[in-house]
Amino acid sequence: MNVTIPLVNNPAPHNQSKTNRYGGVYKSKRELAYITELETAINELHIQERYTEQYLTVCYTFGIKPPKSWSIKKTNQALNGTIMPTNKNVGDVDNIVKSTQDVLMRTNIIDDDSNIVNLSATKIYSPEPFVQIEVQQYEPEPITRTL
């Protein structure tokens, strides 16, 4: 499966630091909006692939729209790859992956994220937000060791 999903809002990270008074973890409004938007888009695409009980390779590319407050020069630098999305408002790439994998499990594309044995993720600036998801069965390469 290789799919690119355009988004209205930037991908949002999974946030584990917010708890209610009973100790339960809850999701931020930004994360809930991202999860809902991504889940709806995946369901509308009617993706038939299901990956269950197998080793998986997953590659993510997250397109982040630059802030509107940036100058034209800084925005162009971001879109050209001179500036990368590393500020705190964007979120850590591993936390964005967590929220995205939650959606892949909720939509039954992958059975369990523990089956992912090879993973790559990239954050880039783009004119419009998107997430590209590539899932395939893991094909191990022979390991040669020298002593």
C-alpha atoms as a PDB file:
ATOM      1  CA  MET A   1       0.000   0.000   0.000  1.00  0.00           C
ATOM      2  CA  ASN A   2       1.332   3.407  -0.928  1.00  0.00           C
ATOM      3  CA  VAL A   3      -1.033   6.319  -0.375  1.00  0.00           C
ATOM      4  CA  THR A   4      -0.687  10.094  -0.052  1.00  0.00           C
ATOM      5  CA  ILE A   5      -3.458  11.782   1.902  1.00  0.00           C
ATOM      6  CA  PRO A   6      -3.934  15.549   1.680  1.00  0.00           C
ATOM      7  CA  LEU A   7      -4.875  17.149   4.991  1.00  0.00           C
ATOM      8  CA  VAL A   8      -6.546  20.356   6.114  1.00  0.00           C
ATOM      9  CA  ASN A   9      -4.420  20.627   9.258  1.00  0.00           C
ATOM     10  CA  ASN A  10      -0.815  19.668   9.940  1.00  0.00           C
ATOM     11  CA  PRO A  11      -0.119  16.175  11.296  1.00  0.00           C
ATOM     12  CA  ALA A  12      -0.248  16.215  15.084  1.00  0.00           C
ATOM     13  CA  PRO A  13       1.878  14.341  17.603  1.00  0.00           C
ATOM     14  CA  HIS A  14       0.614  11.822  20.122  1.00  0.00           C
ATOM     15  CA  ASN A  15       0.666  13.518  23.507  1.00  0.00           C
ATOM     16  CA  GLN A  16       1.072  11.362  26.592  1.00  0.00           C
ATOM     17  CA  SER A  17       1.737  14.113  29.090  1.00  0.00           C
ATOM     18  CA  LYS A  18      -1.853  15.242  29.529  1.00  0.00           C
ATOM     19  CA  THR A  19      -3.808  13.411  32.205  1.00  0.00           C
ATOM     20  CA  ASN A  20      -7.140  13.999  33.852  1.00  0.00           C
ATOM     21  CA  ARG A  21      -7.633  14.069  37.606  1.00  0.00           C
ATOM     22  CA  TYR A  22      -8.162  10.287  37.659  1.00  0.00           C
ATOM     23  CA  GLY A  23      -4.798   9.608  36.000  1.00  0.00           C
ATOM     24  CA  GLY A  24      -6.242   8.788  32.581  1.00  0.00           C
ATOM     25  CA  VAL A  25      -4.451  10.081  29.495  1.00  0.00           C
ATOM     26  CA  TYR A  26      -6.439  12.197  27.061  1.00  0.00           C
ATOM     27  CA  LYS A  27      -5.720  13.502  23.586  1.00  0.00           C
ATOM     28  CA  SER A  28      -5.297  17.169  22.731  1.00  0.00           C
ATOM     29  CA  LYS A  29      -7.799  18.871  20.406  1.00  0.00           C
ATOM     30  CA  ARG A  30      -5.095  19.085  17.750  1.00  0.00           C
ATOM     31  CA  GLU A  31      -4.348  15.353  17.936  1.00  0.00           C
ATOM     32  CA  LEU A  32      -8.048  14.449  17.931  1.00  0.00           C
ATOM     33  CA  ALA A  33      -8.601  16.609  14.835  1.00  0.00           C
ATOM     34  CA  TYR A  34      -5.667  14.937  13.052  1.00  0.00           C
ATOM     35  CA  ILE A  35      -6.762  11.416  13.994  1.00  0.00           C
ATOM     36  CA  THR A  36     -10.356  12.082  12.933  1.00  0.00           C
ATOM     37  CA  GLU A  37      -9.322  13.677   9.622  1.00  0.00           C
ATOM     38  CA  LEU A  38      -6.864  10.897   8.766  1.00  0.00           C
ATOM     39  CA  GLU A  39      -9.262   8.123   9.753  1.00  0.00           C
ATOM     40  CA  THR A  40     -12.052   9.652   7.652  1.00  0.00           C
ATOM     41  CA  ALA A  41      -9.735  10.024   4.642  1.00  0.00           C
ATOM     42  CA  ILE A  42      -8.519   6.422   4.905  1.00  0.00           C
ATOM     43  CA  ASN A  43     -12.094   5.125   5.180  1.00  0.00           C
ATOM     44  CA  GLU A  44     -13.140   7.188   2.135  1.00  0.00           C
ATOM     45  CA  LEU A  45     -10.294   5.691   0.093  1.00  0.00           C
ATOM     46  CA  HIS A  46     -11.683   2.174   0.731  1.00  0.00           C
ATOM     47  CA  ILE A  47      -8.204   0.707   1.142  1.00  0.00           C
ATOM     48  CA  GLN A  48      -8.466  -3.060   0.802  1.00  0.00           C
ATOM     49  CA  GLU A  49      -4.978  -4.047   1.972  1.00  0.00           C
ATOM     50  CA  ARG A  50      -4.820  -5.609   5.420  1.00  0.00           C
ATOM     51  CA  TYR A  51      -1.542  -6.485   7.101  1.00  0.00           C
ATOM     52  CA  THR A  52      -2.011  -9.048   9.846  1.00  0.00           C
ATOM     53  CA  GLU A  53       0.465 -11.290  11.624  1.00  0.00           C
ATOM     54  CA  GLN A  54       3.385 -10.469   9.389  1.00  0.00           C
ATOM     55  CA  TYR A  55       6.552  -8.437   9.657  1.00  0.00           C
ATOM     56  CA  LEU A  56       6.108  -4.979   8.162  1.00  0.00           C
ATOM     57  CA  THR A  57       8.144  -2.144   6.708  1.00  0.00           C
ATOM     58  CA  VAL A  58       6.474   1.270   7.037  1.00  0.00           C
ATOM     59  CA  CYS A  59       7.664   4.576   5.572  1.00  0.00           C
ATOM     60  CA  TYR A  60       6.027   7.880   6.474  1.00  0.00           C
ATOM     61  CA  THR A  61       6.482  11.341   5.010  1.00  0.00           C
ATOM     62  CA  PHE A  62       4.728  14.143   6.863  1.00  0.00           C
ATOM     63  CA  GLY A  63       4.168  17.396   4.996  1.00  0.00           C
ATOM     64  CA  ILE A  64       3.962  20.387   7.325  1.00  0.00           C
ATOM     65  CA  LYS A  65       2.611  23.725   6.135  1.00  0.00           C
ATOM     66  CA  PRO A  66       4.851  26.629   7.232  1.00  0.00           C
ATOM     67  CA  PRO A  67       3.330  29.132   9.676  1.00  0.00           C
ATOM     68  CA  LYS A  68       1.430  32.040   8.094  1.00  0.00           C
ATOM     69  CA  SER A  69       3.390  34.465  10.253  1.00  0.00           C
ATOM     70  CA  TRP A  70       6.648  33.672   8.436  1.00  0.00           C
ATOM     71  CA  SER A  71       8.047  36.052   5.830  1.00  0.00           C
ATOM     72  CA  ILE A  72       7.947  35.079   2.160  1.00  0.00           C
ATOM     73  CA  LYS A  73      11.722  34.565   2.248  1.00  0.00           C
ATOM     74  CA  LYS A  74      11.585  32.219   5.251  1.00  0.00           C
ATOM     75  CA  THR A  75       8.596  30.344   3.793  1.00  0.00           C
ATOM     76  CA  ASN A  76      10.475  29.821   0.522  1.00  0.00           C
ATOM     77  CA  GLN A  77      13.510  28.569   2.448  1.00  0.00           C
ATOM     78  CA  ALA A  78      11.266  26.090   4.253  1.00  0.00           C
ATOM     79  CA  LEU A  79       9.637  24.874   1.038  1.00  0.00           C
ATOM     80  CA  ASN A  80      13.081  24.477  -0.588  1.00  0.00           C
ATOM     81  CA  GLY A  81      14.303  22.320   2.296  1.00  0.00           C
ATOM     82  CA  THR A  82      16.768  24.853   3.707  1.00  0.00           C
ATOM     83  CA  ILE A  83      14.720  25.036   6.920  1.00  0.00           C
ATOM     84  CA  MET A  84      13.343  21.825   8.387  1.00  0.00           C
ATOM     85  CA  PRO A  85      10.304  21.463  10.719  1.00  0.00           C
ATOM     86  CA  THR A  86      12.013  21.102  14.078  1.00  0.00           C
ATOM     87  CA  ASN A  87      10.226  23.703  16.204  1.00  0.00           C
ATOM     88  CA  LYS A  88       8.205  22.582  19.224  1.00  0.00           C
ATOM     89  CA  ASN A  89       4.845  23.458  17.641  1.00  0.00           C
ATOM     90  CA  VAL A  90       5.322  20.797  14.939  1.00  0.00           C
ATOM     91  CA  GLY A  91       6.059  17.938  17.322  1.00  0.00           C
ATOM     92  CA  ASP A  92       8.606  15.153  17.476  1.00  0.00           C
ATOM     93  CA  VAL A  93       8.575  12.818  14.495  1.00  0.00           C
ATOM     94  CA  ASP A  94       8.251   9.733  16.711  1.00  0.00           C
ATOM     95  CA  ASN A  95       5.126  11.136  18.364  1.00  0.00           C
ATOM     96  CA  ILE A  96       3.577  11.989  14.976  1.00  0.00           C
ATOM     97  CA  VAL A  97       4.294   8.390  13.942  1.00  0.00           C
ATOM     98  CA  LYS A  98       2.523   7.112  17.089  1.00  0.00           C
ATOM     99  CA  SER A  99      -0.684   9.010  16.371  1.00  0.00           C
ATOM    100  CA  THR A 100      -0.596   7.901  12.706  1.00  0.00           C
ATOM    101  CA  GLN A 101      -0.043   4.241  13.630  1.00  0.00           C
ATOM    102  CA  ASP A 102      -2.981   4.452  16.019  1.00  0.00           C
ATOM    103  CA  VAL A 103      -5.142   5.369  13.012  1.00  0.00           C
ATOM    104  CA  LEU A 104      -3.712   2.522  10.907  1.00  0.00           C
ATOM    105  CA  MET A 105      -4.720   0.097  13.653  1.00  0.00           C
ATOM    106  CA  ARG A 106      -8.166   1.687  14.138  1.00  0.00           C
ATOM    107  CA  THR A 107      -8.869   1.380  10.401  1.00  0.00           C
ATOM    108  CA  ASN A 108      -7.639  -2.252  10.439  1.00  0.00           C
ATOM    109  CA  ILE A 109      -4.893  -1.666   7.878  1.00  0.00           C
ATOM    110  CA  ILE A 110      -2.344  -3.073  10.285  1.00  0.00           C
ATOM    111  CA  ASP A 111      -3.218  -5.596  12.946  1.00  0.00           C
ATOM    112  CA  ASP A 112      -0.707  -4.463  15.535  1.00  0.00           C
ATOM    113  CA  ASP A 113       2.059  -1.886  15.364  1.00  0.00           C
ATOM    114  CA  SER A 114       4.377  -4.333  17.136  1.00  0.00           C
ATOM    115  CA  ASN A 115       4.577  -6.142  13.749  1.00  0.00           C
ATOM    116  CA  ILE A 116       6.515  -3.179  12.324  1.00  0.00           C
ATOM    117  CA  VAL A 117      10.165  -4.187  12.241  1.00  0.00           C
ATOM    118  CA  ASN A 118      11.479  -1.573   9.806  1.00  0.00           C
ATOM    119  CA  LEU A 119      10.372   2.053  10.045  1.00  0.00           C
ATOM    120  CA  SER A 120      11.363   5.367   8.496  1.00  0.00           C
ATOM    121  CA  ALA A 121       9.750   8.754   8.970  1.00  0.00           C
ATOM    122  CA  THR A 122      10.474  12.191   7.542  1.00  0.00           C
ATOM    123  CA  LYS A 123       9.052  15.646   8.309  1.00  0.00           C
ATOM    124  CA  ILE A 124       9.254  18.239   5.546  1.00  0.00           C
ATOM    125  CA  TYR A 125       7.672  21.596   4.857  1.00  0.00           C
ATOM    126  CA  SER A 126       5.184  21.608   2.007  1.00  0.00           C
ATOM    127  CA  PRO A 127       2.689  24.124   0.551  1.00  0.00           C
ATOM    128  CA  GLU A 128      -0.188  22.053   1.969  1.00  0.00           C
ATOM    129  CA  PRO A 129      -0.205  19.485   4.778  1.00  0.00           C
ATOM    130  CA  PHE A 130      -0.219  15.801   3.875  1.00  0.00           C
ATOM    131  CA  VAL A 131       0.834  12.373   5.053  1.00  0.00           C
ATOM    132  CA  GLN A 132       2.292   9.741   2.764  1.00  0.00           C
ATOM    133  CA  ILE A 133       2.097   6.183   4.066  1.00  0.00           C
ATOM    134  CA  GLU A 134       3.822   3.205   2.523  1.00  0.00           C
ATOM    135  CA  VAL A 135       3.255  -0.213   4.095  1.00  0.00           C
ATOM    136  CA  GLN A 136       4.677  -3.459   2.768  1.00  0.00           C
ATOM    137  CA  GLN A 137       5.672  -6.864   3.973  1.00  0.00           C
ATOM    138  CA  TYR A 138       9.200  -6.865   5.381  1.00  0.00           C
ATOM    139  CA  GLU A 139      11.765  -8.525   3.158  1.00  0.00           C
ATOM    140  CA  PRO A 140      14.859  -9.297   5.214  1.00  0.00           C
ATOM    141  CA  GLU A 141      18.227  -8.836   3.599  1.00  0.00           C
ATOM    142  CA  PRO A 142      20.919 -11.413   4.323  1.00  0.00           C
ATOM    143  CA  ILE A 143      23.191 -10.244   7.096  1.00  0.00           C
ATOM    144  CA  THR A 144      26.868 -10.801   6.575  1.00  0.00           C
ATOM    145  CA  ARG A 145      29.139 -10.440   9.542  1.00  0.00           C
ATOM    146  CA  THR A 146      32.856 -10.143   9.482  1.00  0.00           C
ATOM    147  CA  LEU A 147      35.009 -10.917  12.470  1.00  0.00           C
END
